[in-house]
Amino acid sequence: MKTSAGTLLFRRSSAGLEVLIVKPSGLAARYGWSVPKGLPDPGESLEAAARRETIEETGVEAGALAELGHIDYVKSRKRVHAFYGEAPPGAEPRQTSWEIAEARFVPIEEARALLHVDQRPFI
């Protein structure tokens, strides 16, 4: 089973609770939006991989994180481990990788609708 790791960063705004999600580019876009995530490098911890992927995909450096748990994709043999935490003050996500078409904070209800169906339990 493939294993990946990502983050669910949140912030509070005048619109309420928002989370940082990314829209994959290319063919992966058909599966919907995602938490920033990716495969760990050899010897890299899941949390370190989640932090690295978040910076690589959004330009946002995560602060303190706690383990959120994992989900297994229904159709593919993939497990996604997630960590959550508050986004740093003033974080401005941007598309920083060819793998990502867009990165932004969205209200929690919008995230539930946009996220890949198998990742929705993270919300």
N, C-alpha and C. Protein backbone atom coordinates (compact mmCIF):
# COMPACT_ATOMS: atom_id res chain seq x y z
N MET A 1 0.85 -1.18 0.00
CA MET A 1 0.00 0.00 0.00
C MET A 1 0.89 1.24 0.00
N LYS A 2 0.64 2.16 -0.91
CA LYS A 2 1.35 3.43 -0.93
C LYS A 2 0.93 4.26 0.26
N THR A 3 1.86 5.02 0.81
CA THR A 3 1.58 5.88 1.95
C THR A 3 1.97 7.30 1.62
N SER A 4 1.10 8.25 1.91
CA SER A 4 1.44 9.66 1.76
C SER A 4 1.08 10.38 3.05
N ALA A 5 1.55 11.61 3.16
CA ALA A 5 1.30 12.40 4.37
C ALA A 5 1.02 13.84 3.99
N GLY A 6 0.11 14.47 4.72
CA GLY A 6 -0.25 15.85 4.43
C GLY A 6 -0.73 16.57 5.65
N THR A 7 -1.11 17.83 5.43
CA THR A 7 -1.59 18.66 6.54
C THR A 7 -2.97 19.22 6.25
N LEU A 8 -3.68 19.44 7.32
CA LEU A 8 -4.93 20.18 7.27
C LEU A 8 -4.71 21.41 8.16
N LEU A 9 -4.31 22.50 7.52
CA LEU A 9 -4.08 23.74 8.26
C LEU A 9 -5.36 24.56 8.26
N PHE A 10 -5.63 25.20 9.40
CA PHE A 10 -6.85 25.99 9.53
C PHE A 10 -6.53 27.38 10.03
N ARG A 11 -7.48 28.28 9.82
CA ARG A 11 -7.41 29.62 10.37
C ARG A 11 -8.82 30.11 10.63
N ARG A 12 -8.91 31.06 11.51
CA ARG A 12 -10.20 31.71 11.78
C ARG A 12 -10.20 33.06 11.09
N SER A 13 -11.30 33.36 10.39
CA SER A 13 -11.41 34.64 9.70
C SER A 13 -12.81 35.20 9.96
N SER A 14 -13.08 36.34 9.37
CA SER A 14 -14.42 36.92 9.50
C SER A 14 -15.48 36.01 8.90
N ALA A 15 -15.06 35.12 7.98
CA ALA A 15 -15.98 34.16 7.35
C ALA A 15 -16.16 32.90 8.20
N GLY A 16 -15.42 32.81 9.31
CA GLY A 16 -15.48 31.61 10.15
C GLY A 16 -14.23 30.77 9.98
N LEU A 17 -14.35 29.49 10.22
CA LEU A 17 -13.21 28.58 10.13
C LEU A 17 -12.92 28.25 8.66
N GLU A 18 -11.66 28.37 8.27
CA GLU A 18 -11.22 28.07 6.91
C GLU A 18 -10.08 27.07 6.97
N VAL A 19 -9.96 26.25 5.92
CA VAL A 19 -8.87 25.28 5.82
C VAL A 19 -8.14 25.47 4.50
N LEU A 20 -6.87 25.09 4.51
CA LEU A 20 -6.01 25.22 3.34
C LEU A 20 -6.10 23.93 2.51
N ILE A 21 -6.54 24.07 1.26
CA ILE A 21 -6.61 22.92 0.36
C ILE A 21 -5.98 23.30 -0.99
N VAL A 22 -5.67 22.27 -1.77
CA VAL A 22 -5.03 22.48 -3.07
C VAL A 22 -5.81 21.77 -4.16
N LYS A 23 -5.76 22.36 -5.35
CA LYS A 23 -6.36 21.72 -6.53
C LYS A 23 -5.22 21.16 -7.36
N PRO A 24 -5.16 19.83 -7.51
CA PRO A 24 -4.08 19.24 -8.31
C PRO A 24 -4.17 19.71 -9.77
N SER A 25 -3.04 19.68 -10.44
CA SER A 25 -3.02 20.01 -11.87
C SER A 25 -3.09 18.72 -12.68
N GLY A 26 -3.28 18.87 -13.96
CA GLY A 26 -3.29 17.72 -14.86
C GLY A 26 -4.44 16.76 -14.60
N LEU A 27 -4.20 15.49 -14.89
CA LEU A 27 -5.25 14.47 -14.77
C LEU A 27 -5.75 14.29 -13.34
N ALA A 28 -4.90 14.53 -12.36
CA ALA A 28 -5.30 14.36 -10.96
C ALA A 28 -6.41 15.33 -10.56
N ALA A 29 -6.60 16.41 -11.30
CA ALA A 29 -7.63 17.40 -10.98
C ALA A 29 -9.03 16.79 -11.00
N ARG A 30 -9.20 15.72 -11.76
CA ARG A 30 -10.54 15.13 -11.87
C ARG A 30 -11.03 14.52 -10.56
N TYR A 31 -10.10 14.27 -9.62
CA TYR A 31 -10.49 13.68 -8.33
C TYR A 31 -10.90 14.72 -7.30
N GLY A 32 -10.80 15.99 -7.64
CA GLY A 32 -11.19 17.04 -6.72
C GLY A 32 -10.00 17.60 -5.96
N TRP A 33 -10.30 18.48 -5.06
CA TRP A 33 -9.29 19.16 -4.26
C TRP A 33 -8.73 18.20 -3.21
N SER A 34 -7.64 18.60 -2.59
CA SER A 34 -6.94 17.73 -1.65
C SER A 34 -6.30 18.55 -0.54
N VAL A 35 -5.97 17.88 0.55
CA VAL A 35 -5.06 18.50 1.51
C VAL A 35 -3.68 18.47 0.85
N PRO A 36 -2.80 19.42 1.16
CA PRO A 36 -1.44 19.33 0.61
C PRO A 36 -0.79 18.05 1.14
N LYS A 37 -0.28 17.21 0.25
CA LYS A 37 0.26 15.92 0.68
C LYS A 37 1.21 15.36 -0.36
N GLY A 38 1.93 14.33 0.06
CA GLY A 38 2.83 13.65 -0.87
C GLY A 38 3.51 12.48 -0.21
N LEU A 39 4.34 11.80 -0.98
CA LEU A 39 5.04 10.61 -0.51
C LEU A 39 6.25 10.99 0.33
N PRO A 40 6.48 10.27 1.43
CA PRO A 40 7.69 10.52 2.22
C PRO A 40 8.94 10.07 1.46
N ASP A 41 10.01 10.79 1.66
CA ASP A 41 11.31 10.37 1.13
C ASP A 41 11.82 9.22 2.00
N PRO A 42 12.73 8.40 1.49
CA PRO A 42 13.28 7.30 2.30
C PRO A 42 13.83 7.83 3.63
N GLY A 43 13.40 7.21 4.73
CA GLY A 43 13.86 7.60 6.06
C GLY A 43 13.19 8.81 6.65
N GLU A 44 12.31 9.46 5.91
CA GLU A 44 11.63 10.68 6.38
C GLU A 44 10.38 10.29 7.17
N SER A 45 10.16 10.94 8.32
CA SER A 45 8.96 10.66 9.10
C SER A 45 7.73 11.19 8.37
N LEU A 46 6.58 10.66 8.74
CA LEU A 46 5.33 11.12 8.12
C LEU A 46 5.10 12.60 8.37
N GLU A 47 5.35 13.07 9.59
CA GLU A 47 5.13 14.49 9.88
C GLU A 47 6.10 15.36 9.08
N ALA A 48 7.35 14.95 8.98
CA ALA A 48 8.32 15.72 8.20
C ALA A 48 7.90 15.77 6.73
N ALA A 49 7.41 14.65 6.21
CA ALA A 49 6.93 14.63 4.82
C ALA A 49 5.74 15.56 4.65
N ALA A 50 4.82 15.55 5.60
CA ALA A 50 3.65 16.42 5.52
C ALA A 50 4.07 17.89 5.51
N ARG A 51 5.00 18.25 6.38
CA ARG A 51 5.49 19.63 6.42
C ARG A 51 6.16 20.03 5.10
N ARG A 52 7.03 19.15 4.60
CA ARG A 52 7.75 19.43 3.36
C ARG A 52 6.79 19.60 2.19
N GLU A 53 5.84 18.69 2.07
CA GLU A 53 4.88 18.75 0.97
C GLU A 53 4.03 20.02 1.04
N THR A 54 3.67 20.43 2.25
CA THR A 54 2.85 21.64 2.41
C THR A 54 3.63 22.87 1.93
N ILE A 55 4.90 22.95 2.30
CA ILE A 55 5.72 24.08 1.83
C ILE A 55 5.87 24.00 0.31
N GLU A 56 6.19 22.81 -0.20
CA GLU A 56 6.41 22.67 -1.64
C GLU A 56 5.18 23.01 -2.46
N GLU A 57 4.00 22.66 -1.96
CA GLU A 57 2.77 22.85 -2.75
C GLU A 57 2.07 24.18 -2.51
N THR A 58 2.28 24.80 -1.35
CA THR A 58 1.52 26.01 -1.02
C THR A 58 2.38 27.20 -0.60
N GLY A 59 3.65 26.96 -0.28
CA GLY A 59 4.51 28.02 0.22
C GLY A 59 4.25 28.35 1.69
N VAL A 60 3.37 27.60 2.35
CA VAL A 60 3.04 27.86 3.76
C VAL A 60 3.81 26.88 4.64
N GLU A 61 4.52 27.42 5.63
CA GLU A 61 5.26 26.59 6.57
C GLU A 61 4.39 26.35 7.80
N ALA A 62 4.10 25.09 8.07
CA ALA A 62 3.25 24.72 9.20
C ALA A 62 3.98 24.94 10.51
N GLY A 63 3.22 25.36 11.53
CA GLY A 63 3.76 25.48 12.88
C GLY A 63 3.54 24.17 13.62
N ALA A 64 3.04 24.26 14.84
CA ALA A 64 2.78 23.07 15.65
C ALA A 64 1.70 22.22 14.98
N LEU A 65 1.95 20.92 14.91
CA LEU A 65 1.00 19.99 14.30
C LEU A 65 0.67 18.86 15.27
N ALA A 66 -0.53 18.33 15.13
CA ALA A 66 -0.96 17.15 15.87
C ALA A 66 -1.44 16.12 14.86
N GLU A 67 -1.34 14.86 15.23
CA GLU A 67 -1.78 13.80 14.32
C GLU A 67 -3.29 13.77 14.23
N LEU A 68 -3.81 13.74 13.02
CA LEU A 68 -5.25 13.71 12.78
C LEU A 68 -5.74 12.29 12.54
N GLY A 69 -4.88 11.42 12.02
CA GLY A 69 -5.26 10.06 11.69
C GLY A 69 -4.97 9.78 10.23
N HIS A 70 -5.58 8.73 9.71
CA HIS A 70 -5.36 8.39 8.30
C HIS A 70 -6.65 7.89 7.68
N ILE A 71 -6.65 7.93 6.36
CA ILE A 71 -7.75 7.38 5.56
C ILE A 71 -7.15 6.47 4.50
N ASP A 72 -7.91 5.52 4.07
CA ASP A 72 -7.51 4.65 2.96
C ASP A 72 -8.42 4.95 1.78
N TYR A 73 -7.82 5.22 0.63
CA TYR A 73 -8.62 5.46 -0.55
C TYR A 73 -9.40 4.19 -0.90
N VAL A 74 -10.63 4.37 -1.33
CA VAL A 74 -11.50 3.24 -1.65
C VAL A 74 -11.05 2.53 -2.92
N LYS A 75 -10.74 3.28 -3.98
CA LYS A 75 -10.44 2.67 -5.28
C LYS A 75 -8.96 2.29 -5.45
N SER A 76 -8.08 3.09 -4.91
CA SER A 76 -6.65 2.79 -5.08
C SER A 76 -6.08 2.31 -3.75
N ARG A 77 -4.98 1.63 -3.83
CA ARG A 77 -4.34 1.13 -2.60
C ARG A 77 -3.41 2.21 -2.08
N LYS A 78 -4.01 3.23 -1.43
CA LYS A 78 -3.23 4.34 -0.92
C LYS A 78 -3.75 4.75 0.44
N ARG A 79 -2.83 5.00 1.37
CA ARG A 79 -3.18 5.48 2.70
C ARG A 79 -2.63 6.89 2.86
N VAL A 80 -3.47 7.81 3.32
CA VAL A 80 -3.06 9.19 3.53
C VAL A 80 -3.10 9.48 5.03
N HIS A 81 -1.95 9.83 5.60
CA HIS A 81 -1.85 10.25 6.99
C HIS A 81 -1.92 11.77 7.02
N ALA A 82 -2.67 12.31 7.97
CA ALA A 82 -2.81 13.76 8.04
C ALA A 82 -2.45 14.28 9.42
N PHE A 83 -1.93 15.48 9.42
CA PHE A 83 -1.59 16.22 10.63
C PHE A 83 -2.32 17.55 10.53
N TYR A 84 -2.75 18.09 11.67
CA TYR A 84 -3.49 19.35 11.62
C TYR A 84 -2.87 20.37 12.56
N GLY A 85 -3.15 21.62 12.25
CA GLY A 85 -2.67 22.70 13.09
C GLY A 85 -3.13 24.03 12.55
N GLU A 86 -2.94 25.05 13.36
CA GLU A 86 -3.33 26.40 12.95
C GLU A 86 -2.29 26.95 11.99
N ALA A 87 -2.76 27.57 10.93
CA ALA A 87 -1.86 28.19 9.96
C ALA A 87 -1.15 29.37 10.62
N PRO A 88 0.07 29.66 10.22
CA PRO A 88 0.77 30.81 10.78
C PRO A 88 0.02 32.10 10.44
N PRO A 89 0.06 33.09 11.34
CA PRO A 89 -0.62 34.37 11.06
C PRO A 89 -0.11 34.96 9.75
N GLY A 90 -1.05 35.46 8.97
CA GLY A 90 -0.70 36.10 7.70
C GLY A 90 -0.30 35.16 6.58
N ALA A 91 -0.49 33.86 6.77
CA ALA A 91 -0.12 32.89 5.72
C ALA A 91 -0.89 33.19 4.44
N GLU A 92 -0.16 33.28 3.34
CA GLU A 92 -0.75 33.53 2.03
C GLU A 92 -0.37 32.38 1.10
N PRO A 93 -1.23 31.38 0.95
CA PRO A 93 -0.87 30.26 0.09
C PRO A 93 -0.77 30.68 -1.37
N ARG A 94 0.10 29.98 -2.07
CA ARG A 94 0.25 30.24 -3.51
C ARG A 94 0.64 28.92 -4.18
N GLN A 95 0.40 28.85 -5.44
CA GLN A 95 0.76 27.68 -6.23
C GLN A 95 2.26 27.72 -6.41
N THR A 96 2.98 26.74 -5.83
CA THR A 96 4.44 26.75 -5.88
C THR A 96 5.02 25.49 -6.51
N SER A 97 4.18 24.63 -7.04
CA SER A 97 4.63 23.38 -7.64
C SER A 97 3.84 23.12 -8.92
N TRP A 98 4.49 22.49 -9.89
CA TRP A 98 3.79 22.13 -11.13
C TRP A 98 2.66 21.14 -10.86
N GLU A 99 2.72 20.43 -9.71
CA GLU A 99 1.69 19.44 -9.37
C GLU A 99 0.38 20.07 -8.94
N ILE A 100 0.41 21.37 -8.62
CA ILE A 100 -0.74 22.06 -8.05
C ILE A 100 -1.20 23.20 -8.96
N ALA A 101 -2.49 23.25 -9.24
CA ALA A 101 -3.05 24.32 -10.06
C ALA A 101 -3.43 25.53 -9.21
N GLU A 102 -3.83 25.28 -7.95
CA GLU A 102 -4.29 26.36 -7.08
C GLU A 102 -4.18 25.92 -5.62
N ALA A 103 -3.88 26.87 -4.74
CA ALA A 103 -3.84 26.63 -3.30
C ALA A 103 -4.55 27.79 -2.62
N ARG A 104 -5.51 27.48 -1.73
CA ARG A 104 -6.21 28.58 -1.05
C ARG A 104 -6.92 28.09 0.20
N PHE A 105 -7.21 29.07 1.05
CA PHE A 105 -8.05 28.82 2.21
C PHE A 105 -9.50 28.91 1.76
N VAL A 106 -10.32 27.97 2.20
CA VAL A 106 -11.75 28.00 1.89
C VAL A 106 -12.53 27.73 3.18
N PRO A 107 -13.76 28.26 3.26
CA PRO A 107 -14.60 27.96 4.42
C PRO A 107 -14.79 26.45 4.56
N ILE A 108 -14.91 26.00 5.76
CA ILE A 108 -14.97 24.56 6.06
C ILE A 108 -16.07 23.84 5.28
N GLU A 109 -17.24 24.47 5.13
CA GLU A 109 -18.33 23.83 4.37
C GLU A 109 -17.98 23.69 2.90
N GLU A 110 -17.31 24.69 2.35
CA GLU A 110 -16.88 24.60 0.95
C GLU A 110 -15.83 23.49 0.79
N ALA A 111 -14.94 23.37 1.77
CA ALA A 111 -13.92 22.31 1.73
C ALA A 111 -14.58 20.94 1.71
N ARG A 112 -15.63 20.75 2.49
CA ARG A 112 -16.33 19.46 2.50
C ARG A 112 -16.85 19.11 1.11
N ALA A 113 -17.31 20.11 0.38
CA ALA A 113 -17.85 19.86 -0.96
C ALA A 113 -16.75 19.66 -2.00
N LEU A 114 -15.62 20.34 -1.84
CA LEU A 114 -14.56 20.31 -2.85
C LEU A 114 -13.59 19.14 -2.71
N LEU A 115 -13.35 18.70 -1.47
CA LEU A 115 -12.33 17.69 -1.23
C LEU A 115 -12.63 16.35 -1.90
N HIS A 116 -11.57 15.66 -2.27
CA HIS A 116 -11.66 14.29 -2.76
C HIS A 116 -12.55 13.53 -1.78
N VAL A 117 -13.48 12.76 -2.28
CA VAL A 117 -14.49 12.10 -1.44
C VAL A 117 -13.86 11.29 -0.31
N ASP A 118 -12.74 10.62 -0.56
CA ASP A 118 -12.11 9.81 0.47
C ASP A 118 -11.41 10.64 1.54
N GLN A 119 -11.13 11.93 1.25
CA GLN A 119 -10.48 12.80 2.24
C GLN A 119 -11.46 13.57 3.10
N ARG A 120 -12.73 13.53 2.79
CA ARG A 120 -13.71 14.31 3.54
C ARG A 120 -13.76 13.99 5.03
N PRO A 121 -13.47 12.74 5.46
CA PRO A 121 -13.46 12.48 6.91
C PRO A 121 -12.44 13.33 7.68
N PHE A 122 -11.41 13.86 7.02
CA PHE A 122 -10.45 14.73 7.69
C PHE A 122 -11.12 16.00 8.21
N ILE A 123 -12.18 16.43 7.55
CA ILE A 123 -12.88 17.64 7.97
C ILE A 123 -13.78 17.29 9.14
